[in-house]
Amino acid sequence: MENLIKRVLVSDHAIKIIDQLRERHGQLMFHQSGGCCDGSSPMCFPKGELMLNENDVKLGTIHGCDFFMSKDQFEYWKHTQLTVDVTTGRGASFSLEIPLGLRFVIKSRLYTDGEREHLAPVQPAEEV
């Protein structure tokens, strides 16, 4: 099988924070809902803590963590490659990094024409 273009990546700085959170909370997962304000930021939870349903899709895995997004949000982002990064400042969510005085953020870029032909498929959350 040819190499597929990943839909979601993770920065080196975010990897370090994920490692800290995993040490404390065990296996992790990410979800980006599409709500307003911080609801549109990626949120990190202990794996299985957030109930997923037919309205969510799995975009891929970052540093051993499944990354999900609501289908409605994915419609806006499907043309872009996402990179999970981290920045200082407290967000207003229940994400695990918030007590550290940090918050995960998304950086994005549009796919090239050639990349769009080789994108990794998304997977319905209920099939994961």
N, C-alpha and C. Protein backbone atom coordinates (compact mmCIF):
# COMPACT_ATOMS: atom_id res chain seq x y z
N MET A 1 0.85 -1.18 0.00
CA MET A 1 0.00 0.00 0.00
C MET A 1 0.89 1.24 0.00
N GLU A 2 0.50 2.22 -0.77
CA GLU A 2 1.29 3.44 -0.85
C GLU A 2 1.19 4.24 0.45
N ASN A 3 2.12 5.13 0.66
CA ASN A 3 2.10 5.96 1.86
C ASN A 3 0.96 6.96 1.78
N LEU A 4 0.14 6.96 2.80
CA LEU A 4 -0.99 7.88 2.86
C LEU A 4 -0.60 9.11 3.65
N ILE A 5 -1.17 10.24 3.27
CA ILE A 5 -0.93 11.51 3.96
C ILE A 5 -1.77 11.53 5.24
N LYS A 6 -1.11 11.75 6.37
CA LYS A 6 -1.82 11.81 7.64
C LYS A 6 -2.67 13.07 7.72
N ARG A 7 -3.81 12.94 8.35
CA ARG A 7 -4.72 14.07 8.52
C ARG A 7 -4.39 14.89 9.76
N VAL A 8 -3.73 14.26 10.73
CA VAL A 8 -3.40 14.97 11.97
C VAL A 8 -1.99 14.58 12.42
N LEU A 9 -1.22 15.61 12.78
CA LEU A 9 0.16 15.46 13.25
C LEU A 9 0.26 16.04 14.65
N VAL A 10 1.44 15.94 15.25
CA VAL A 10 1.65 16.48 16.60
C VAL A 10 3.04 17.09 16.67
N SER A 11 3.14 18.24 17.33
CA SER A 11 4.44 18.92 17.47
C SER A 11 5.28 18.24 18.55
N ASP A 12 6.58 18.49 18.52
CA ASP A 12 7.48 17.93 19.53
C ASP A 12 7.12 18.44 20.93
N HIS A 13 6.76 19.70 21.03
CA HIS A 13 6.39 20.26 22.34
C HIS A 13 5.13 19.57 22.87
N ALA A 14 4.15 19.35 22.02
CA ALA A 14 2.93 18.66 22.44
C ALA A 14 3.22 17.22 22.85
N ILE A 15 4.16 16.57 22.18
CA ILE A 15 4.54 15.20 22.55
C ILE A 15 5.03 15.15 24.00
N LYS A 16 5.83 16.13 24.39
CA LYS A 16 6.33 16.16 25.77
C LYS A 16 5.18 16.30 26.77
N ILE A 17 4.20 17.11 26.46
CA ILE A 17 3.06 17.29 27.35
C ILE A 17 2.20 16.02 27.37
N ILE A 18 2.01 15.41 26.23
CA ILE A 18 1.26 14.14 26.17
C ILE A 18 1.94 13.10 27.04
N ASP A 19 3.27 13.03 26.98
CA ASP A 19 4.00 12.07 27.83
C ASP A 19 3.76 12.34 29.31
N GLN A 20 3.77 13.61 29.71
CA GLN A 20 3.50 13.97 31.11
C GLN A 20 2.09 13.55 31.51
N LEU A 21 1.13 13.84 30.66
CA LEU A 21 -0.26 13.51 30.96
C LEU A 21 -0.48 12.00 30.98
N ARG A 22 0.15 11.28 30.09
CA ARG A 22 0.00 9.82 30.03
C ARG A 22 0.57 9.18 31.30
N GLU A 23 1.68 9.73 31.80
CA GLU A 23 2.29 9.20 33.03
C GLU A 23 1.33 9.33 34.21
N ARG A 24 0.58 10.39 34.21
CA ARG A 24 -0.34 10.66 35.33
C ARG A 24 -1.72 10.03 35.15
N HIS A 25 -2.21 9.98 33.89
CA HIS A 25 -3.60 9.57 33.64
C HIS A 25 -3.75 8.27 32.86
N GLY A 26 -2.67 7.68 32.40
CA GLY A 26 -2.77 6.45 31.61
C GLY A 26 -3.03 6.76 30.14
N GLN A 27 -3.66 5.84 29.45
CA GLN A 27 -3.92 6.02 28.02
C GLN A 27 -4.83 7.23 27.81
N LEU A 28 -4.56 7.93 26.69
CA LEU A 28 -5.26 9.18 26.40
C LEU A 28 -5.95 9.15 25.05
N MET A 29 -6.86 10.09 24.87
CA MET A 29 -7.52 10.30 23.58
C MET A 29 -7.72 11.81 23.39
N PHE A 30 -7.88 12.23 22.15
CA PHE A 30 -8.16 13.63 21.83
C PHE A 30 -9.49 13.72 21.10
N HIS A 31 -10.16 14.85 21.31
CA HIS A 31 -11.40 15.13 20.60
C HIS A 31 -11.49 16.62 20.33
N GLN A 32 -11.94 16.96 19.14
CA GLN A 32 -12.21 18.35 18.79
C GLN A 32 -13.65 18.43 18.35
N SER A 33 -14.45 19.17 19.11
CA SER A 33 -15.89 19.14 18.88
C SER A 33 -16.37 20.12 17.82
N GLY A 34 -15.95 21.35 17.91
CA GLY A 34 -16.46 22.35 16.99
C GLY A 34 -17.38 23.32 17.67
N GLY A 35 -17.42 23.27 19.00
CA GLY A 35 -18.19 24.26 19.73
C GLY A 35 -17.51 25.62 19.61
N CYS A 36 -18.07 26.60 20.25
CA CYS A 36 -17.47 27.93 20.17
C CYS A 36 -16.31 28.05 21.15
N CYS A 37 -15.51 29.06 20.95
CA CYS A 37 -14.40 29.40 21.85
C CYS A 37 -13.48 28.19 22.07
N ASP A 38 -13.25 27.82 23.34
CA ASP A 38 -12.36 26.69 23.61
C ASP A 38 -12.96 25.35 23.21
N GLY A 39 -14.26 25.30 22.94
CA GLY A 39 -14.88 24.07 22.47
C GLY A 39 -14.37 23.65 21.12
N SER A 40 -13.75 24.58 20.39
CA SER A 40 -13.20 24.23 19.08
C SER A 40 -11.71 23.90 19.17
N SER A 41 -11.17 23.86 20.38
CA SER A 41 -9.78 23.46 20.60
C SER A 41 -9.73 21.95 20.82
N PRO A 42 -8.60 21.33 20.50
CA PRO A 42 -8.49 19.90 20.78
C PRO A 42 -8.44 19.68 22.29
N MET A 43 -9.19 18.71 22.75
CA MET A 43 -9.22 18.41 24.17
C MET A 43 -8.71 16.99 24.41
N CYS A 44 -7.94 16.85 25.48
CA CYS A 44 -7.32 15.58 25.84
C CYS A 44 -8.05 15.00 27.06
N PHE A 45 -8.40 13.72 26.96
CA PHE A 45 -9.11 13.02 28.03
C PHE A 45 -8.45 11.66 28.27
N PRO A 46 -8.68 11.08 29.46
CA PRO A 46 -8.30 9.67 29.61
C PRO A 46 -9.07 8.86 28.56
N LYS A 47 -8.41 7.89 27.97
CA LYS A 47 -9.05 7.09 26.92
C LYS A 47 -10.35 6.49 27.43
N GLY A 48 -11.42 6.67 26.66
CA GLY A 48 -12.72 6.12 27.00
C GLY A 48 -13.58 7.01 27.88
N GLU A 49 -13.02 8.11 28.38
CA GLU A 49 -13.81 8.99 29.26
C GLU A 49 -14.88 9.76 28.50
N LEU A 50 -14.60 10.13 27.27
CA LEU A 50 -15.57 10.87 26.46
C LEU A 50 -16.37 9.88 25.62
N MET A 51 -17.67 9.96 25.72
CA MET A 51 -18.54 9.08 24.95
C MET A 51 -18.58 9.56 23.49
N LEU A 52 -18.25 8.68 22.58
CA LEU A 52 -18.28 8.97 21.15
C LEU A 52 -19.51 8.31 20.55
N ASN A 53 -19.96 8.85 19.42
CA ASN A 53 -21.12 8.25 18.76
C ASN A 53 -21.02 8.44 17.25
N GLU A 54 -22.14 8.25 16.56
CA GLU A 54 -22.15 8.32 15.10
C GLU A 54 -21.88 9.72 14.57
N ASN A 55 -21.81 10.71 15.45
CA ASN A 55 -21.52 12.08 15.04
C ASN A 55 -20.03 12.41 15.08
N ASP A 56 -19.19 11.41 15.38
CA ASP A 56 -17.74 11.60 15.48
C ASP A 56 -17.01 10.72 14.49
N VAL A 57 -15.84 11.20 14.06
CA VAL A 57 -14.96 10.41 13.20
C VAL A 57 -13.56 10.41 13.79
N LYS A 58 -12.83 9.34 13.50
CA LYS A 58 -11.43 9.26 13.91
C LYS A 58 -10.58 9.71 12.73
N LEU A 59 -9.74 10.75 12.96
CA LEU A 59 -8.87 11.27 11.91
C LEU A 59 -7.54 10.53 11.86
N GLY A 60 -7.13 9.97 12.98
CA GLY A 60 -5.85 9.29 13.03
C GLY A 60 -5.39 9.14 14.47
N THR A 61 -4.10 8.91 14.61
CA THR A 61 -3.48 8.71 15.92
C THR A 61 -2.28 9.63 16.02
N ILE A 62 -2.16 10.32 17.16
CA ILE A 62 -1.00 11.16 17.41
C ILE A 62 -0.31 10.67 18.68
N HIS A 63 0.94 10.32 18.57
CA HIS A 63 1.76 9.88 19.70
C HIS A 63 1.02 8.84 20.55
N GLY A 64 0.41 7.88 19.86
CA GLY A 64 -0.28 6.78 20.54
C GLY A 64 -1.67 7.10 21.04
N CYS A 65 -2.21 8.27 20.69
CA CYS A 65 -3.54 8.69 21.14
C CYS A 65 -4.47 8.84 19.94
N ASP A 66 -5.64 8.21 19.99
CA ASP A 66 -6.62 8.40 18.93
C ASP A 66 -7.09 9.85 18.94
N PHE A 67 -7.29 10.40 17.75
CA PHE A 67 -7.76 11.78 17.59
C PHE A 67 -9.09 11.75 16.86
N PHE A 68 -10.13 12.23 17.54
CA PHE A 68 -11.49 12.26 17.00
C PHE A 68 -11.94 13.69 16.79
N MET A 69 -12.92 13.84 15.90
CA MET A 69 -13.51 15.14 15.63
C MET A 69 -14.98 14.93 15.30
N SER A 70 -15.80 15.90 15.66
CA SER A 70 -17.21 15.80 15.27
C SER A 70 -17.30 15.88 13.74
N LYS A 71 -18.27 15.19 13.17
CA LYS A 71 -18.43 15.19 11.71
C LYS A 71 -18.65 16.59 11.17
N ASP A 72 -19.46 17.38 11.88
CA ASP A 72 -19.72 18.74 11.42
C ASP A 72 -18.44 19.56 11.37
N GLN A 73 -17.61 19.44 12.38
CA GLN A 73 -16.33 20.16 12.40
C GLN A 73 -15.42 19.65 11.29
N PHE A 74 -15.42 18.33 11.08
CA PHE A 74 -14.58 17.75 10.03
C PHE A 74 -14.93 18.32 8.66
N GLU A 75 -16.18 18.61 8.40
CA GLU A 75 -16.57 19.19 7.12
C GLU A 75 -15.83 20.50 6.85
N TYR A 76 -15.58 21.27 7.90
CA TYR A 76 -14.83 22.52 7.75
C TYR A 76 -13.33 22.29 7.59
N TRP A 77 -12.82 21.24 8.21
CA TRP A 77 -11.37 21.01 8.28
C TRP A 77 -10.87 19.94 7.30
N LYS A 78 -11.73 19.30 6.55
CA LYS A 78 -11.32 18.16 5.74
C LYS A 78 -10.30 18.51 4.65
N HIS A 79 -10.13 19.76 4.34
CA HIS A 79 -9.18 20.18 3.30
C HIS A 79 -7.82 20.57 3.89
N THR A 80 -7.66 20.38 5.20
CA THR A 80 -6.44 20.83 5.87
C THR A 80 -5.81 19.72 6.68
N GLN A 81 -4.49 19.76 6.73
CA GLN A 81 -3.76 18.88 7.64
C GLN A 81 -3.61 19.61 8.97
N LEU A 82 -3.97 18.95 10.04
CA LEU A 82 -3.95 19.55 11.37
C LEU A 82 -2.70 19.14 12.12
N THR A 83 -2.15 20.04 12.89
CA THR A 83 -1.04 19.73 13.79
C THR A 83 -1.44 20.17 15.19
N VAL A 84 -1.43 19.22 16.12
CA VAL A 84 -1.72 19.54 17.52
C VAL A 84 -0.45 20.10 18.13
N ASP A 85 -0.57 21.28 18.70
CA ASP A 85 0.55 21.94 19.36
C ASP A 85 0.07 22.36 20.75
N VAL A 86 0.91 22.99 21.52
CA VAL A 86 0.55 23.44 22.86
C VAL A 86 1.07 24.85 23.06
N THR A 87 0.34 25.64 23.82
CA THR A 87 0.75 27.00 24.12
C THR A 87 0.48 27.29 25.59
N THR A 88 1.11 28.31 26.11
CA THR A 88 0.85 28.69 27.49
C THR A 88 -0.48 29.43 27.58
N GLY A 89 -1.09 29.34 28.73
CA GLY A 89 -2.36 29.99 28.97
C GLY A 89 -3.42 28.96 29.29
N ARG A 90 -4.27 29.31 30.20
CA ARG A 90 -5.33 28.39 30.60
C ARG A 90 -6.52 28.52 29.67
N GLY A 91 -6.93 27.41 29.14
CA GLY A 91 -8.15 27.40 28.35
C GLY A 91 -9.34 27.19 29.27
N ALA A 92 -10.51 27.27 28.72
CA ALA A 92 -11.73 27.09 29.51
C ALA A 92 -12.40 25.78 29.14
N SER A 93 -11.70 24.68 29.36
CA SER A 93 -12.25 23.37 29.02
C SER A 93 -11.89 22.38 30.11
N PHE A 94 -12.29 21.14 29.89
CA PHE A 94 -11.99 20.06 30.82
C PHE A 94 -10.79 19.24 30.38
N SER A 95 -10.04 19.74 29.43
CA SER A 95 -8.89 19.03 28.89
C SER A 95 -7.82 18.87 29.97
N LEU A 96 -7.12 17.75 29.95
CA LEU A 96 -6.19 17.38 31.01
C LEU A 96 -5.00 18.32 31.18
N GLU A 97 -4.62 19.06 30.15
CA GLU A 97 -3.45 19.93 30.25
C GLU A 97 -3.74 21.25 30.95
N ILE A 98 -4.99 21.60 31.11
CA ILE A 98 -5.37 22.91 31.65
C ILE A 98 -4.73 23.19 33.02
N PRO A 99 -4.73 22.24 33.97
CA PRO A 99 -4.09 22.52 35.27
C PRO A 99 -2.58 22.81 35.17
N LEU A 100 -1.96 22.46 34.05
CA LEU A 100 -0.53 22.74 33.85
C LEU A 100 -0.30 24.18 33.39
N GLY A 101 -1.37 24.95 33.19
CA GLY A 101 -1.24 26.31 32.68
C GLY A 101 -0.96 26.33 31.18
N LEU A 102 -1.37 25.25 30.51
CA LEU A 102 -1.16 25.09 29.07
C LEU A 102 -2.49 24.74 28.41
N ARG A 103 -2.50 24.84 27.08
CA ARG A 103 -3.65 24.34 26.34
C ARG A 103 -3.20 23.88 24.97
N PHE A 104 -3.83 22.82 24.52
CA PHE A 104 -3.56 22.32 23.18
C PHE A 104 -4.25 23.23 22.18
N VAL A 105 -3.61 23.44 21.04
CA VAL A 105 -4.16 24.24 19.96
C VAL A 105 -3.95 23.49 18.65
N ILE A 106 -4.68 23.91 17.64
CA ILE A 106 -4.55 23.33 16.30
C ILE A 106 -3.90 24.35 15.38
N LYS A 107 -2.92 23.88 14.64
CA LYS A 107 -2.36 24.64 13.52
C LYS A 107 -2.73 23.87 12.28
N SER A 108 -2.99 24.56 11.19
CA SER A 108 -3.44 23.85 10.01
C SER A 108 -2.81 24.42 8.75
N ARG A 109 -2.83 23.60 7.73
CA ARG A 109 -2.39 24.02 6.40
C ARG A 109 -3.23 23.27 5.38
N LEU A 110 -3.46 23.90 4.23
CA LEU A 110 -4.22 23.24 3.17
C LEU A 110 -3.38 22.14 2.53
N TYR A 111 -4.04 21.06 2.15
CA TYR A 111 -3.36 20.00 1.40
C TYR A 111 -3.05 20.49 0.00
N THR A 112 -1.99 19.99 -0.57
CA THR A 112 -1.70 20.25 -1.97
C THR A 112 -2.61 19.37 -2.82
N ASP A 113 -2.70 19.69 -4.11
CA ASP A 113 -3.52 18.87 -5.01
C ASP A 113 -3.05 17.42 -4.98
N GLY A 114 -1.75 17.20 -5.00
CA GLY A 114 -1.21 15.84 -4.98
C GLY A 114 -1.51 15.11 -3.68
N GLU A 115 -1.47 15.81 -2.57
CA GLU A 115 -1.75 15.19 -1.28
C GLU A 115 -3.21 14.77 -1.17
N ARG A 116 -4.12 15.57 -1.70
CA ARG A 116 -5.55 15.26 -1.59
C ARG A 116 -5.88 13.90 -2.21
N GLU A 117 -5.08 13.48 -3.16
CA GLU A 117 -5.32 12.18 -3.81
C GLU A 117 -4.86 11.01 -2.97
N HIS A 118 -4.12 11.27 -1.87
CA HIS A 118 -3.53 10.20 -1.07
C HIS A 118 -3.78 10.36 0.42
N LEU A 119 -4.92 10.91 0.78
CA LEU A 119 -5.23 11.14 2.19
C LEU A 119 -5.63 9.86 2.90
N ALA A 120 -5.18 9.73 4.14
CA ALA A 120 -5.62 8.62 4.98
C ALA A 120 -7.13 8.74 5.17
N PRO A 121 -7.84 7.62 5.14
CA PRO A 121 -9.30 7.70 5.32
C PRO A 121 -9.66 8.02 6.77
N VAL A 122 -10.82 8.64 6.96
CA VAL A 122 -11.36 8.81 8.31
C VAL A 122 -12.19 7.57 8.62
N GLN A 123 -12.39 7.35 9.89
CA GLN A 123 -13.09 6.14 10.34
C GLN A 123 -14.23 6.56 11.27
N PRO A 124 -15.44 6.04 11.06
CA PRO A 124 -16.52 6.37 11.99
C PRO A 124 -16.12 5.94 13.41
N ALA A 125 -16.39 6.80 14.39
CA ALA A 125 -15.97 6.53 15.77
C ALA A 125 -16.56 5.24 16.31
N GLU A 126 -17.78 4.89 15.91
CA GLU A 126 -18.40 3.67 16.45
C GLU A 126 -17.74 2.40 15.93
N GLU A 127 -16.85 2.52 14.93
CA GLU A 127 -16.12 1.36 14.41
C GLU A 127 -14.75 1.19 15.07
N VAL A 128 -14.38 2.12 15.94
CA VAL A 128 -13.06 2.07 16.58
C VAL A 128 -13.11 1.16 17.79
